[in-house]
Amino acid sequence: MRILKYFPMLLLSTAIQAETVTLHVDSAKKSPSSDTSGDVIDIVLEPESRQALADFTRDRVGRQIHLFVDGLLLTSPTLQSVIDTSSLRLSAGEDGFNGKSAGEITESLNQGGTLTLSDDR
């Protein structure tokens, strides 16, 4: 019974800790996937974003994160390890990237679109 008394406080403290980080893209390139019939997007981050990505993912291994481009949710993977690199590869699902093509996402990123990660949808 006492656990239920404190449960709302646990939910509240989890919501307060939600974080979002914006990554700055140096370049993005669409190419055909060697594994599937879809396309992939290869992203190169600006140097300061590599550290931001590593910092964001460090305490979230084993947890689900959400990746957005210009506010559009692209994917929600569960982190398997810290991401400490300046390049990323995004693979499209069967329907593309939430209704957008790899070409549209690539074009948006190359024109200054925002790439954000969040641990809260």
N, C-alpha and C. Protein backbone atom coordinates (compact mmCIF):
# COMPACT_ATOMS: atom_id res chain seq x y z
N MET A 1 0.82 -1.19 0.00
CA MET A 1 0.00 0.00 0.00
C MET A 1 0.87 1.27 0.00
N ARG A 2 1.95 1.25 0.75
CA ARG A 2 2.83 2.42 0.81
C ARG A 2 3.47 2.70 -0.55
N ILE A 3 3.77 1.67 -1.33
CA ILE A 3 4.37 1.86 -2.65
C ILE A 3 3.44 2.66 -3.53
N LEU A 4 2.17 2.37 -3.51
CA LEU A 4 1.20 3.10 -4.33
C LEU A 4 1.13 4.57 -3.92
N LYS A 5 1.33 4.84 -2.67
CA LYS A 5 1.30 6.22 -2.19
C LYS A 5 2.39 7.06 -2.86
N TYR A 6 3.57 6.47 -3.11
CA TYR A 6 4.70 7.21 -3.69
C TYR A 6 4.82 7.07 -5.20
N PHE A 7 4.04 6.18 -5.80
CA PHE A 7 4.13 5.94 -7.24
C PHE A 7 3.91 7.21 -8.07
N PRO A 8 2.89 8.05 -7.78
CA PRO A 8 2.73 9.28 -8.58
C PRO A 8 3.97 10.18 -8.55
N MET A 9 4.67 10.22 -7.43
CA MET A 9 5.88 11.03 -7.32
C MET A 9 6.97 10.47 -8.24
N LEU A 10 7.07 9.15 -8.35
CA LEU A 10 8.04 8.55 -9.26
C LEU A 10 7.74 8.92 -10.70
N LEU A 11 6.47 8.89 -11.09
CA LEU A 11 6.09 9.27 -12.44
C LEU A 11 6.42 10.74 -12.71
N LEU A 12 6.15 11.58 -11.76
CA LEU A 12 6.42 13.00 -11.90
C LEU A 12 7.91 13.26 -12.06
N SER A 13 8.74 12.60 -11.25
CA SER A 13 10.17 12.84 -11.34
C SER A 13 10.74 12.33 -12.66
N THR A 14 10.16 11.28 -13.23
CA THR A 14 10.62 10.78 -14.52
C THR A 14 10.31 11.79 -15.62
N ALA A 15 9.13 12.37 -15.59
CA ALA A 15 8.73 13.34 -16.61
C ALA A 15 9.60 14.59 -16.58
N ILE A 16 10.00 15.00 -15.40
CA ILE A 16 10.81 16.21 -15.25
C ILE A 16 12.19 16.00 -15.87
N GLN A 17 12.70 14.78 -15.87
CA GLN A 17 14.04 14.51 -16.35
C GLN A 17 14.13 14.34 -17.87
N ALA A 18 13.01 14.43 -18.57
CA ALA A 18 13.03 14.27 -20.03
C ALA A 18 13.95 15.33 -20.64
N GLU A 19 14.66 14.92 -21.68
CA GLU A 19 15.63 15.83 -22.30
C GLU A 19 15.57 15.70 -23.82
N THR A 20 15.85 16.80 -24.48
CA THR A 20 15.94 16.84 -25.93
C THR A 20 17.25 17.52 -26.30
N VAL A 21 17.92 17.00 -27.32
CA VAL A 21 19.15 17.60 -27.80
C VAL A 21 19.04 17.79 -29.31
N THR A 22 19.48 18.96 -29.79
CA THR A 22 19.49 19.25 -31.21
C THR A 22 20.91 19.04 -31.73
N LEU A 23 21.02 18.25 -32.79
CA LEU A 23 22.32 17.97 -33.39
C LEU A 23 22.45 18.76 -34.69
N HIS A 24 23.62 19.29 -34.95
CA HIS A 24 23.86 20.08 -36.14
C HIS A 24 24.51 19.20 -37.21
N VAL A 25 23.88 19.16 -38.37
CA VAL A 25 24.30 18.29 -39.45
C VAL A 25 25.23 19.03 -40.39
N ASP A 26 26.39 18.43 -40.67
CA ASP A 26 27.32 18.97 -41.64
C ASP A 26 26.86 18.59 -43.05
N SER A 27 26.48 17.31 -43.22
CA SER A 27 25.99 16.85 -44.52
C SER A 27 25.14 15.60 -44.35
N ALA A 28 24.28 15.37 -45.33
CA ALA A 28 23.46 14.17 -45.37
C ALA A 28 23.43 13.67 -46.81
N LYS A 29 23.46 12.35 -46.97
CA LYS A 29 23.49 11.76 -48.31
C LYS A 29 22.60 10.53 -48.34
N LYS A 30 21.74 10.45 -49.34
CA LYS A 30 20.88 9.29 -49.55
C LYS A 30 21.60 8.31 -50.45
N SER A 31 21.50 7.02 -50.10
CA SER A 31 22.06 5.98 -50.96
C SER A 31 21.24 4.71 -50.81
N PRO A 32 21.32 3.82 -51.80
CA PRO A 32 20.57 2.57 -51.70
C PRO A 32 21.17 1.68 -50.60
N SER A 33 20.31 0.99 -49.89
CA SER A 33 20.75 0.08 -48.85
C SER A 33 21.30 -1.20 -49.48
N SER A 34 22.38 -1.71 -48.94
CA SER A 34 22.92 -2.97 -49.42
C SER A 34 22.18 -4.16 -48.80
N ASP A 35 21.40 -3.91 -47.74
CA ASP A 35 20.70 -4.98 -47.03
C ASP A 35 19.23 -5.12 -47.40
N THR A 36 18.61 -4.03 -47.81
CA THR A 36 17.17 -4.05 -48.10
C THR A 36 16.92 -3.37 -49.44
N SER A 37 15.67 -3.32 -49.82
CA SER A 37 15.32 -2.64 -51.07
C SER A 37 15.12 -1.14 -50.86
N GLY A 38 15.21 -0.69 -49.62
CA GLY A 38 15.02 0.73 -49.32
C GLY A 38 16.30 1.53 -49.42
N ASP A 39 16.20 2.76 -48.97
CA ASP A 39 17.35 3.67 -48.97
C ASP A 39 17.83 3.90 -47.55
N VAL A 40 19.05 4.38 -47.44
CA VAL A 40 19.61 4.81 -46.16
C VAL A 40 20.02 6.27 -46.28
N ILE A 41 20.15 6.90 -45.14
CA ILE A 41 20.66 8.28 -45.09
C ILE A 41 21.92 8.26 -44.24
N ASP A 42 23.02 8.67 -44.83
CA ASP A 42 24.28 8.79 -44.10
C ASP A 42 24.42 10.24 -43.68
N ILE A 43 24.57 10.45 -42.39
CA ILE A 43 24.63 11.80 -41.81
C ILE A 43 26.00 12.01 -41.19
N VAL A 44 26.60 13.16 -41.49
CA VAL A 44 27.84 13.58 -40.84
C VAL A 44 27.49 14.79 -39.98
N LEU A 45 27.81 14.67 -38.69
CA LEU A 45 27.51 15.73 -37.74
C LEU A 45 28.64 16.74 -37.67
N GLU A 46 28.30 17.97 -37.32
CA GLU A 46 29.33 18.96 -37.03
C GLU A 46 30.05 18.54 -35.75
N PRO A 47 31.33 18.90 -35.59
CA PRO A 47 32.14 18.39 -34.46
C PRO A 47 31.51 18.55 -33.08
N GLU A 48 30.89 19.70 -32.79
CA GLU A 48 30.34 19.89 -31.45
C GLU A 48 29.15 18.97 -31.19
N SER A 49 28.50 18.52 -32.24
CA SER A 49 27.36 17.63 -32.06
C SER A 49 27.77 16.20 -31.72
N ARG A 50 28.99 15.84 -32.07
CA ARG A 50 29.47 14.50 -31.70
C ARG A 50 29.47 14.37 -30.18
N GLN A 51 29.98 15.36 -29.49
CA GLN A 51 30.03 15.32 -28.03
C GLN A 51 28.62 15.38 -27.44
N ALA A 52 27.76 16.19 -28.03
CA ALA A 52 26.38 16.27 -27.55
C ALA A 52 25.67 14.93 -27.68
N LEU A 53 25.91 14.23 -28.79
CA LEU A 53 25.33 12.92 -29.02
C LEU A 53 25.85 11.91 -27.99
N ALA A 54 27.15 11.91 -27.76
CA ALA A 54 27.74 11.00 -26.77
C ALA A 54 27.19 11.28 -25.38
N ASP A 55 27.11 12.55 -25.01
CA ASP A 55 26.58 12.92 -23.69
C ASP A 55 25.13 12.48 -23.53
N PHE A 56 24.34 12.69 -24.57
CA PHE A 56 22.91 12.34 -24.52
C PHE A 56 22.72 10.83 -24.39
N THR A 57 23.50 10.05 -25.12
CA THR A 57 23.29 8.60 -25.14
C THR A 57 23.96 7.88 -23.96
N ARG A 58 24.92 8.50 -23.33
CA ARG A 58 25.69 7.85 -22.26
C ARG A 58 24.81 7.27 -21.15
N ASP A 59 23.85 8.01 -20.67
CA ASP A 59 23.01 7.56 -19.56
C ASP A 59 21.71 6.91 -20.02
N ARG A 60 21.60 6.63 -21.32
CA ARG A 60 20.35 6.09 -21.84
C ARG A 60 20.49 4.71 -22.48
N VAL A 61 21.62 4.07 -22.30
CA VAL A 61 21.82 2.73 -22.85
C VAL A 61 20.76 1.81 -22.25
N GLY A 62 20.11 1.06 -23.13
CA GLY A 62 19.04 0.17 -22.71
C GLY A 62 17.67 0.83 -22.70
N ARG A 63 17.63 2.13 -22.97
CA ARG A 63 16.36 2.88 -22.98
C ARG A 63 16.01 3.29 -24.40
N GLN A 64 14.76 3.56 -24.61
CA GLN A 64 14.29 4.00 -25.93
C GLN A 64 14.48 5.50 -26.06
N ILE A 65 14.97 5.91 -27.23
CA ILE A 65 15.07 7.32 -27.57
C ILE A 65 14.27 7.56 -28.85
N HIS A 66 14.04 8.81 -29.17
CA HIS A 66 13.24 9.16 -30.34
C HIS A 66 14.03 10.15 -31.19
N LEU A 67 14.10 9.88 -32.49
CA LEU A 67 14.84 10.72 -33.42
C LEU A 67 13.85 11.44 -34.34
N PHE A 68 13.97 12.75 -34.40
CA PHE A 68 13.08 13.59 -35.20
C PHE A 68 13.89 14.40 -36.20
N VAL A 69 13.31 14.65 -37.37
CA VAL A 69 13.84 15.63 -38.31
C VAL A 69 12.71 16.62 -38.57
N ASP A 70 12.98 17.87 -38.28
CA ASP A 70 11.97 18.94 -38.42
C ASP A 70 10.66 18.57 -37.74
N GLY A 71 10.76 17.95 -36.56
CA GLY A 71 9.57 17.61 -35.78
C GLY A 71 8.88 16.32 -36.18
N LEU A 72 9.33 15.68 -37.26
CA LEU A 72 8.74 14.43 -37.73
C LEU A 72 9.49 13.26 -37.09
N LEU A 73 8.76 12.41 -36.37
CA LEU A 73 9.38 11.24 -35.74
C LEU A 73 9.81 10.26 -36.82
N LEU A 74 11.10 9.94 -36.85
CA LEU A 74 11.62 8.99 -37.83
C LEU A 74 11.76 7.59 -37.26
N THR A 75 12.27 7.51 -36.05
CA THR A 75 12.53 6.21 -35.46
C THR A 75 12.63 6.34 -33.94
N SER A 76 12.38 5.23 -33.26
CA SER A 76 12.46 5.18 -31.80
C SER A 76 13.22 3.93 -31.37
N PRO A 77 14.52 3.92 -31.58
CA PRO A 77 15.30 2.72 -31.23
C PRO A 77 15.58 2.63 -29.73
N THR A 78 15.90 1.43 -29.30
CA THR A 78 16.43 1.23 -27.96
C THR A 78 17.95 1.24 -28.09
N LEU A 79 18.59 2.10 -27.32
CA LEU A 79 20.05 2.24 -27.41
C LEU A 79 20.75 0.98 -26.92
N GLN A 80 21.66 0.48 -27.73
CA GLN A 80 22.45 -0.69 -27.36
C GLN A 80 23.79 -0.29 -26.76
N SER A 81 24.27 0.92 -27.09
CA SER A 81 25.55 1.40 -26.56
C SER A 81 25.61 2.91 -26.74
N VAL A 82 26.60 3.52 -26.13
CA VAL A 82 26.83 4.95 -26.29
C VAL A 82 27.19 5.21 -27.75
N ILE A 83 26.66 6.28 -28.31
CA ILE A 83 26.99 6.65 -29.69
C ILE A 83 27.99 7.80 -29.62
N ASP A 84 29.23 7.49 -29.88
CA ASP A 84 30.31 8.47 -29.81
C ASP A 84 31.00 8.52 -31.17
N THR A 85 30.27 9.06 -32.14
CA THR A 85 30.77 9.13 -33.50
C THR A 85 30.20 10.38 -34.16
N SER A 86 30.82 10.79 -35.24
CA SER A 86 30.32 11.96 -35.94
C SER A 86 29.48 11.58 -37.16
N SER A 87 29.27 10.26 -37.35
CA SER A 87 28.44 9.85 -38.49
C SER A 87 27.37 8.86 -38.03
N LEU A 88 26.22 8.97 -38.68
CA LEU A 88 25.07 8.11 -38.38
C LEU A 88 24.51 7.57 -39.68
N ARG A 89 23.92 6.40 -39.63
CA ARG A 89 23.23 5.85 -40.79
C ARG A 89 21.81 5.51 -40.35
N LEU A 90 20.85 6.08 -41.06
CA LEU A 90 19.43 5.83 -40.79
C LEU A 90 18.86 4.96 -41.90
N SER A 91 18.20 3.89 -41.53
CA SER A 91 17.56 3.00 -42.49
C SER A 91 16.06 3.22 -42.46
N ALA A 92 15.47 3.30 -43.64
CA ALA A 92 14.02 3.51 -43.73
C ALA A 92 13.28 2.21 -43.47
N GLY A 93 12.10 2.33 -42.89
CA GLY A 93 11.23 1.17 -42.74
C GLY A 93 10.52 0.91 -44.06
N GLU A 94 9.58 -0.01 -44.05
CA GLU A 94 8.85 -0.38 -45.27
C GLU A 94 8.13 0.80 -45.91
N ASP A 95 7.65 1.72 -45.10
CA ASP A 95 6.91 2.88 -45.60
C ASP A 95 7.76 4.14 -45.65
N GLY A 96 9.06 3.98 -45.73
CA GLY A 96 9.94 5.14 -45.72
C GLY A 96 10.14 5.62 -44.29
N PHE A 97 10.36 6.88 -44.16
CA PHE A 97 10.57 7.50 -42.86
C PHE A 97 9.28 8.20 -42.44
N ASN A 98 8.37 7.43 -41.86
CA ASN A 98 7.10 7.97 -41.37
C ASN A 98 6.39 8.76 -42.46
N GLY A 99 6.36 8.18 -43.66
CA GLY A 99 5.66 8.81 -44.78
C GLY A 99 6.52 9.70 -45.65
N LYS A 100 7.73 9.97 -45.24
CA LYS A 100 8.67 10.79 -46.03
C LYS A 100 9.72 9.88 -46.65
N SER A 101 10.20 10.26 -47.81
CA SER A 101 11.25 9.48 -48.46
C SER A 101 12.61 9.87 -47.90
N ALA A 102 13.58 8.99 -48.12
CA ALA A 102 14.95 9.29 -47.72
C ALA A 102 15.45 10.55 -48.42
N GLY A 103 15.04 10.75 -49.67
CA GLY A 103 15.43 11.95 -50.41
C GLY A 103 14.89 13.22 -49.77
N GLU A 104 13.63 13.18 -49.33
CA GLU A 104 13.03 14.36 -48.68
C GLU A 104 13.72 14.68 -47.37
N ILE A 105 14.02 13.65 -46.59
CA ILE A 105 14.71 13.87 -45.31
C ILE A 105 16.12 14.40 -45.55
N THR A 106 16.82 13.81 -46.51
CA THR A 106 18.18 14.25 -46.84
C THR A 106 18.19 15.71 -47.28
N GLU A 107 17.27 16.06 -48.15
CA GLU A 107 17.19 17.44 -48.63
C GLU A 107 16.93 18.40 -47.48
N SER A 108 16.01 18.04 -46.59
CA SER A 108 15.71 18.89 -45.45
C SER A 108 16.95 19.10 -44.58
N LEU A 109 17.66 18.02 -44.28
CA LEU A 109 18.86 18.14 -43.44
C LEU A 109 19.94 18.97 -44.11
N ASN A 110 20.11 18.83 -45.41
CA ASN A 110 21.13 19.61 -46.12
C ASN A 110 20.76 21.08 -46.24
N GLN A 111 19.48 21.41 -46.06
CA GLN A 111 19.03 22.80 -46.11
C GLN A 111 18.89 23.40 -44.72
N GLY A 112 19.48 22.76 -43.72
CA GLY A 112 19.46 23.31 -42.37
C GLY A 112 18.36 22.78 -41.49
N GLY A 113 17.69 21.71 -41.90
CA GLY A 113 16.65 21.12 -41.06
C GLY A 113 17.21 20.65 -39.73
N THR A 114 16.35 20.53 -38.75
CA THR A 114 16.81 20.15 -37.42
C THR A 114 16.74 18.64 -37.20
N LEU A 115 17.77 18.10 -36.60
CA LEU A 115 17.85 16.71 -36.19
C LEU A 115 17.86 16.71 -34.67
N THR A 116 16.82 16.17 -34.07
CA THR A 116 16.74 16.18 -32.61
C THR A 116 16.56 14.77 -32.07
N LEU A 117 17.09 14.57 -30.88
CA LEU A 117 16.92 13.33 -30.13
C LEU A 117 16.20 13.68 -28.83
N SER A 118 15.31 12.79 -28.42
CA SER A 118 14.58 13.01 -27.18
C SER A 118 14.38 11.69 -26.48
N ASP A 119 14.28 11.73 -25.17
CA ASP A 119 13.94 10.52 -24.44
C ASP A 119 12.47 10.57 -24.01
N ASP A 120 11.74 11.52 -24.57
CA ASP A 120 10.31 11.67 -24.31
C ASP A 120 9.62 12.00 -25.61
N ARG A 121 8.57 11.28 -25.92
CA ARG A 121 7.85 11.54 -27.17
C ARG A 121 7.06 12.78 -27.02
